[in-house]
PDB file of N, CA and C in Angstrom:
ATOM      1  N   UNK A   1      77.307  55.102 -49.744  1.00  0.00           N
ATOM      2  CA  UNK A   1      78.057  54.756 -48.651  1.00  0.00           C
ATOM      3  C   UNK A   1      77.054  54.597 -47.342  1.00  0.00           C
ATOM      4  N   UNK A   2      77.365  53.748 -46.516  1.00  0.00           N
ATOM      5  CA  UNK A   2      76.488  53.407 -45.355  1.00  0.00           C
ATOM      6  C   UNK A   2      76.707  54.528 -44.293  1.00  0.00           C
ATOM      7  N   UNK A   3      75.576  55.013 -43.726  1.00  0.00           N
ATOM      8  CA  UNK A   3      75.558  56.038 -42.762  1.00  0.00           C
ATOM      9  C   UNK A   3      75.773  55.395 -41.369  1.00  0.00           C
ATOM     10  N   UNK A   4      76.497  56.037 -40.538  1.00  0.00           N
ATOM     11  CA  UNK A   4      76.678  55.483 -39.191  1.00  0.00           C
ATOM     12  C   UNK A   4      75.481  55.590 -38.374  1.00  0.00           C
ATOM     13  N   UNK A   5      74.562  56.373 -38.748  1.00  0.00           N
ATOM     14  CA  UNK A   5      73.389  56.735 -37.946  1.00  0.00           C
ATOM     15  C   UNK A   5      72.211  55.833 -38.180  1.00  0.00           C
ATOM     16  N   UNK A   6      72.209  55.082 -39.301  1.00  0.00           N
ATOM     17  CA  UNK A   6      71.133  54.264 -39.614  1.00  0.00           C
ATOM     18  C   UNK A   6      71.511  52.755 -39.519  1.00  0.00           C
ATOM     19  N   UNK A   7      70.438  51.970 -38.982  1.00  0.00           N
ATOM     20  CA  UNK A   7      70.659  50.588 -38.874  1.00  0.00           C
ATOM     21  C   UNK A   7      70.421  49.869 -40.251  1.00  0.00           C
ATOM     22  N   UNK A   8      71.269  48.873 -40.483  1.00  0.00           N
ATOM     23  CA  UNK A   8      71.128  48.196 -41.675  1.00  0.00           C
ATOM     24  C   UNK A   8      70.866  46.678 -41.341  1.00  0.00           C
ATOM     25  N   UNK A   9      69.908  46.108 -42.149  1.00  0.00           N
ATOM     26  CA  UNK A   9      69.447  44.780 -41.863  1.00  0.00           C
ATOM     27  C   UNK A   9      70.017  43.794 -42.852  1.00  0.00           C
ATOM     28  N   UNK A  10      70.157  42.523 -42.385  1.00  0.00           N
ATOM     29  CA  UNK A  10      70.614  41.459 -43.264  1.00  0.00           C
ATOM     30  C   UNK A  10      69.312  41.009 -44.058  1.00  0.00           C
ATOM     31  N   UNK A  11      69.593  40.419 -45.225  1.00  0.00           N
ATOM     32  CA  UNK A  11      68.460  39.920 -46.047  1.00  0.00           C
ATOM     33  C   UNK A  11      67.487  38.995 -45.274  1.00  0.00           C
ATOM     34  N   UNK A  12      67.930  38.054 -44.479  1.00  0.00           N
ATOM     35  CA  UNK A  12      67.190  37.167 -43.707  1.00  0.00           C
ATOM     36  C   UNK A  12      66.222  38.008 -42.746  1.00  0.00           C
ATOM     37  N   UNK A  13      66.767  39.094 -42.163  1.00  0.00           N
ATOM     38  CA  UNK A  13      65.932  39.928 -41.264  1.00  0.00           C
ATOM     39  C   UNK A  13      64.829  40.566 -42.006  1.00  0.00           C
ATOM     40  N   UNK A  14      65.207  41.042 -43.139  1.00  0.00           N
ATOM     41  CA  UNK A  14      64.195  41.806 -44.024  1.00  0.00           C
ATOM     42  C   UNK A  14      63.054  40.841 -44.421  1.00  0.00           C
ATOM     43  N   UNK A  15      63.380  39.690 -44.723  1.00  0.00           N
ATOM     44  CA  UNK A  15      62.396  38.597 -45.142  1.00  0.00           C
ATOM     45  C   UNK A  15      61.485  38.313 -43.990  1.00  0.00           C
ATOM     46  N   UNK A  16      62.022  38.188 -42.778  1.00  0.00           N
ATOM     47  CA  UNK A  16      61.233  37.903 -41.663  1.00  0.00           C
ATOM     48  C   UNK A  16      60.299  39.058 -41.322  1.00  0.00           C
ATOM     49  N   UNK A  17      60.760  40.326 -41.444  1.00  0.00           N
ATOM     50  CA  UNK A  17      59.965  41.439 -41.089  1.00  0.00           C
ATOM     51  C   UNK A  17      58.869  41.681 -42.150  1.00  0.00           C
ATOM     52  N   UNK A  18      59.219  41.495 -43.358  1.00  0.00           N
ATOM     53  CA  UNK A  18      58.171  41.680 -44.521  1.00  0.00           C
ATOM     54  C   UNK A  18      57.379  40.404 -44.767  1.00  0.00           C
ATOM     55  N   UNK A  19      57.806  39.344 -44.115  1.00  0.00           N
ATOM     56  CA  UNK A  19      57.108  38.006 -44.342  1.00  0.00           C
ATOM     57  C   UNK A  19      57.154  37.649 -45.833  1.00  0.00           C
ATOM     58  N   UNK A  20      58.302  37.708 -46.433  1.00  0.00           N
ATOM     59  CA  UNK A  20      58.440  37.358 -47.867  1.00  0.00           C
ATOM     60  C   UNK A  20      59.599  36.320 -47.971  1.00  0.00           C
ATOM     61  N   UNK A  21      59.560  35.645 -49.066  1.00  0.00           N
ATOM     62  CA  UNK A  21      60.613  34.607 -49.399  1.00  0.00           C
ATOM     63  C   UNK A  21      61.871  35.384 -49.911  1.00  0.00           C
ATOM     64  N   UNK A  22      63.090  34.867 -49.722  1.00  0.00           N
ATOM     65  CA  UNK A  22      64.303  35.436 -50.283  1.00  0.00           C
ATOM     66  C   UNK A  22      64.162  35.656 -51.700  1.00  0.00           C
ATOM     67  N   UNK A  23      63.645  34.802 -52.461  1.00  0.00           N
ATOM     68  CA  UNK A  23      63.467  35.060 -53.916  1.00  0.00           C
ATOM     69  C   UNK A  23      62.733  36.342 -54.284  1.00  0.00           C
ATOM     70  N   UNK A  24      61.696  36.543 -53.507  1.00  0.00           N
ATOM     71  CA  UNK A  24      60.896  37.754 -53.608  1.00  0.00           C
ATOM     72  C   UNK A  24      61.707  38.999 -53.306  1.00  0.00           C
ATOM     73  N   UNK A  25      62.439  38.942 -52.259  1.00  0.00           N
ATOM     74  CA  UNK A  25      63.338  40.079 -51.950  1.00  0.00           C
ATOM     75  C   UNK A  25      64.319  40.371 -52.995  1.00  0.00           C
ATOM     76  N   UNK A  26      65.013  39.429 -53.583  1.00  0.00           N
ATOM     77  CA  UNK A  26      65.982  39.678 -54.679  1.00  0.00           C
ATOM     78  C   UNK A  26      65.334  40.104 -55.889  1.00  0.00           C
ATOM     79  N   UNK A  27      64.040  39.667 -56.153  1.00  0.00           N
ATOM     80  CA  UNK A  27      63.341  40.064 -57.312  1.00  0.00           C
ATOM     81  C   UNK A  27      63.021  41.658 -57.170  1.00  0.00           C
ATOM     82  N   UNK A  28      62.599  42.024 -55.898  1.00  0.00           N
ATOM     83  CA  UNK A  28      62.266  43.387 -55.625  1.00  0.00           C
ATOM     84  C   UNK A  28      63.535  44.344 -55.751  1.00  0.00           C
ATOM     85  N   UNK A  29      64.655  43.751 -55.306  1.00  0.00           N
ATOM     86  CA  UNK A  29      65.996  44.519 -55.497  1.00  0.00           C
ATOM     87  C   UNK A  29      66.211  44.762 -57.005  1.00  0.00           C
ATOM     88  N   UNK A  30      66.123  43.739 -57.780  1.00  0.00           N
ATOM     89  CA  UNK A  30      66.339  43.783 -59.200  1.00  0.00           C
ATOM     90  C   UNK A  30      65.352  44.757 -59.950  1.00  0.00           C
ATOM     91  N   UNK A  31      64.109  44.794 -59.513  1.00  0.00           N
ATOM     92  CA  UNK A  31      63.137  45.665 -60.071  1.00  0.00           C
ATOM     93  C   UNK A  31      63.188  47.038 -59.491  1.00  0.00           C
ATOM     94  N   UNK A  32      63.987  47.312 -58.502  1.00  0.00           N
ATOM     95  CA  UNK A  32      64.116  48.646 -57.868  1.00  0.00           C
ATOM     96  C   UNK A  32      63.082  48.976 -56.898  1.00  0.00           C
ATOM     97  N   UNK A  33      62.264  48.097 -56.399  1.00  0.00           N
ATOM     98  CA  UNK A  33      61.216  48.296 -55.424  1.00  0.00           C
ATOM     99  C   UNK A  33      61.795  48.437 -54.015  1.00  0.00           C
ATOM    100  N   UNK A  34      62.914  47.930 -53.796  1.00  0.00           N
ATOM    101  CA  UNK A  34      63.637  48.111 -52.478  1.00  0.00           C
ATOM    102  C   UNK A  34      65.108  48.388 -52.698  1.00  0.00           C
ATOM    103  N   UNK A  35      65.727  49.410 -51.998  1.00  0.00           N
ATOM    104  CA  UNK A  35      66.979  49.752 -52.150  1.00  0.00           C
ATOM    105  C   UNK A  35      67.888  48.884 -51.258  1.00  0.00           C
ATOM    106  N   UNK A  36      69.116  48.484 -51.791  1.00  0.00           N
ATOM    107  CA  UNK A  36      70.040  47.721 -51.028  1.00  0.00           C
ATOM    108  C   UNK A  36      71.429  48.315 -51.135  1.00  0.00           C
ATOM    109  N   UNK A  37      72.228  48.102 -50.154  1.00  0.00           N
ATOM    110  CA  UNK A  37      73.611  48.486 -50.150  1.00  0.00           C
ATOM    111  C   UNK A  37      74.471  47.310 -50.275  1.00  0.00           C
ATOM    112  N   UNK A  38      75.333  47.296 -51.234  1.00  0.00           N
ATOM    113  CA  UNK A  38      76.336  46.262 -51.405  1.00  0.00           C
ATOM    114  C   UNK A  38      77.584  46.488 -50.778  1.00  0.00           C
ATOM    115  N   UNK A  39      78.067  45.703 -49.876  1.00  0.00           N
ATOM    116  CA  UNK A  39      79.246  45.852 -49.156  1.00  0.00           C
ATOM    117  C   UNK A  39      80.475  45.429 -49.947  1.00  0.00           C
ATOM    118  N   UNK A  40      81.588  45.899 -49.548  1.00  0.00           N
ATOM    119  CA  UNK A  40      82.864  45.498 -50.333  1.00  0.00           C
ATOM    120  C   UNK A  40      82.999  43.961 -50.315  1.00  0.00           C
ATOM    121  N   UNK A  41      82.381  43.225 -49.447  1.00  0.00           N
ATOM    122  CA  UNK A  41      82.598  41.763 -49.364  1.00  0.00           C
ATOM    123  C   UNK A  41      81.631  41.113 -50.366  1.00  0.00           C
ATOM    124  N   UNK A  42      80.661  41.907 -50.913  1.00  0.00           N
ATOM    125  CA  UNK A  42      79.655  41.394 -51.960  1.00  0.00           C
ATOM    126  C   UNK A  42      78.408  41.095 -51.285  1.00  0.00           C
ATOM    127  N   UNK A  43      78.271  41.199 -50.036  1.00  0.00           N
ATOM    128  CA  UNK A  43      77.043  40.945 -49.283  1.00  0.00           C
ATOM    129  C   UNK A  43      76.166  42.196 -49.329  1.00  0.00           C
ATOM    130  N   UNK A  44      74.861  41.980 -49.121  1.00  0.00           N
ATOM    131  CA  UNK A  44      73.849  43.140 -49.174  1.00  0.00           C
ATOM    132  C   UNK A  44      73.333  43.411 -47.792  1.00  0.00           C
ATOM    133  N   UNK A  45      73.073  44.707 -47.577  1.00  0.00           N
ATOM    134  CA  UNK A  45      72.368  45.129 -46.405  1.00  0.00           C
ATOM    135  C   UNK A  45      71.341  46.095 -46.800  1.00  0.00           C
ATOM    136  N   UNK A  46      70.225  46.239 -46.045  1.00  0.00           N
ATOM    137  CA  UNK A  46      69.052  46.910 -46.285  1.00  0.00           C
ATOM    138  C   UNK A  46      68.858  47.988 -45.271  1.00  0.00           C
ATOM    139  N   UNK A  47      68.709  49.277 -45.600  1.00  0.00           N
ATOM    140  CA  UNK A  47      68.504  50.386 -44.639  1.00  0.00           C
ATOM    141  C   UNK A  47      67.152  50.199 -43.938  1.00  0.00           C
ATOM    142  N   UNK A  48      67.202  50.327 -42.646  1.00  0.00           N
ATOM    143  CA  UNK A  48      66.049  50.153 -41.871  1.00  0.00           C
ATOM    144  C   UNK A  48      64.924  51.130 -42.318  1.00  0.00           C
ATOM    145  N   UNK A  49      65.329  52.423 -42.780  1.00  0.00           N
ATOM    146  CA  UNK A  49      64.374  53.378 -43.280  1.00  0.00           C
ATOM    147  C   UNK A  49      63.653  52.877 -44.482  1.00  0.00           C
ATOM    148  N   UNK A  50      64.355  52.056 -45.264  1.00  0.00           N
ATOM    149  CA  UNK A  50      63.739  51.523 -46.521  1.00  0.00           C
ATOM    150  C   UNK A  50      62.729  50.477 -46.166  1.00  0.00           C
ATOM    151  N   UNK A  51      62.952  49.734 -45.198  1.00  0.00           N
ATOM    152  CA  UNK A  51      61.953  48.738 -44.722  1.00  0.00           C
ATOM    153  C   UNK A  51      60.692  49.360 -44.126  1.00  0.00           C
ATOM    154  N   UNK A  52      60.919  50.484 -43.445  1.00  0.00           N
ATOM    155  CA  UNK A  52      59.717  51.234 -42.853  1.00  0.00           C
ATOM    156  C   UNK A  52      58.991  51.856 -43.952  1.00  0.00           C
ATOM    157  N   UNK A  53      59.638  52.319 -45.017  1.00  0.00           N
ATOM    158  CA  UNK A  53      58.957  52.977 -46.063  1.00  0.00           C
ATOM    159  C   UNK A  53      58.088  51.944 -46.814  1.00  0.00           C
ATOM    160  N   UNK A  54      58.517  50.655 -46.958  1.00  0.00           N
ATOM    161  CA  UNK A  54      57.808  49.680 -47.596  1.00  0.00           C
ATOM    162  C   UNK A  54      56.543  49.264 -46.842  1.00  0.00           C
ATOM    163  N   UNK A  55      56.762  49.136 -45.526  1.00  0.00           N
ATOM    164  CA  UNK A  55      55.731  48.791 -44.611  1.00  0.00           C
ATOM    165  C   UNK A  55      54.609  49.991 -44.541  1.00  0.00           C
ATOM    166  N   UNK A  56      55.079  51.164 -44.651  1.00  0.00           N
ATOM    167  CA  UNK A  56      54.088  52.289 -44.643  1.00  0.00           C
ATOM    168  C   UNK A  56      53.288  52.304 -45.808  1.00  0.00           C
ATOM    169  N   UNK A  57      53.833  52.134 -46.978  1.00  0.00           N
ATOM    170  CA  UNK A  57      53.123  52.272 -48.289  1.00  0.00           C
ATOM    171  C   UNK A  57      52.336  50.932 -48.625  1.00  0.00           C
ATOM    172  N   UNK A  58      52.761  49.772 -47.960  1.00  0.00           N
ATOM    173  CA  UNK A  58      52.084  48.543 -48.154  1.00  0.00           C
ATOM    174  C   UNK A  58      52.546  47.893 -49.511  1.00  0.00           C
ATOM    175  N   UNK A  59      53.841  48.193 -49.912  1.00  0.00           N
ATOM    176  CA  UNK A  59      54.285  47.573 -51.162  1.00  0.00           C
ATOM    177  C   UNK A  59      54.543  46.123 -50.965  1.00  0.00           C
ATOM    178  N   UNK A  60      54.527  45.606 -49.801  1.00  0.00           N
ATOM    179  CA  UNK A  60      54.736  44.157 -49.742  1.00  0.00           C
ATOM    180  C   UNK A  60      53.548  43.394 -50.146  1.00  0.00           C
ATOM    181  N   UNK A  61      52.422  44.099 -50.410  1.00  0.00           N
ATOM    182  CA  UNK A  61      51.228  43.388 -50.845  1.00  0.00           C
ATOM    183  C   UNK A  61      51.104  43.328 -52.370  1.00  0.00           C
ATOM    184  N   UNK A  62      52.167  43.649 -53.048  1.00  0.00           N
ATOM    185  CA  UNK A  62      52.084  43.694 -54.554  1.00  0.00           C
ATOM    186  C   UNK A  62      51.825  42.286 -55.086  1.00  0.00           C
TER     187      UNK A  62
END
């Protein structure tokens, strides 16, 4: 369930921040490298804390 205290980003925003292609983002979701929240509408959102975690450990350089 989404927390009201955390900001959630759209896939496009995540790709821009991490400088990756959308295909890479969905590959990472499938592989469990990045956590995503699926909304009742079927769309996905990404916790800002998850993006920070990836940037801190440098996983985008895999």
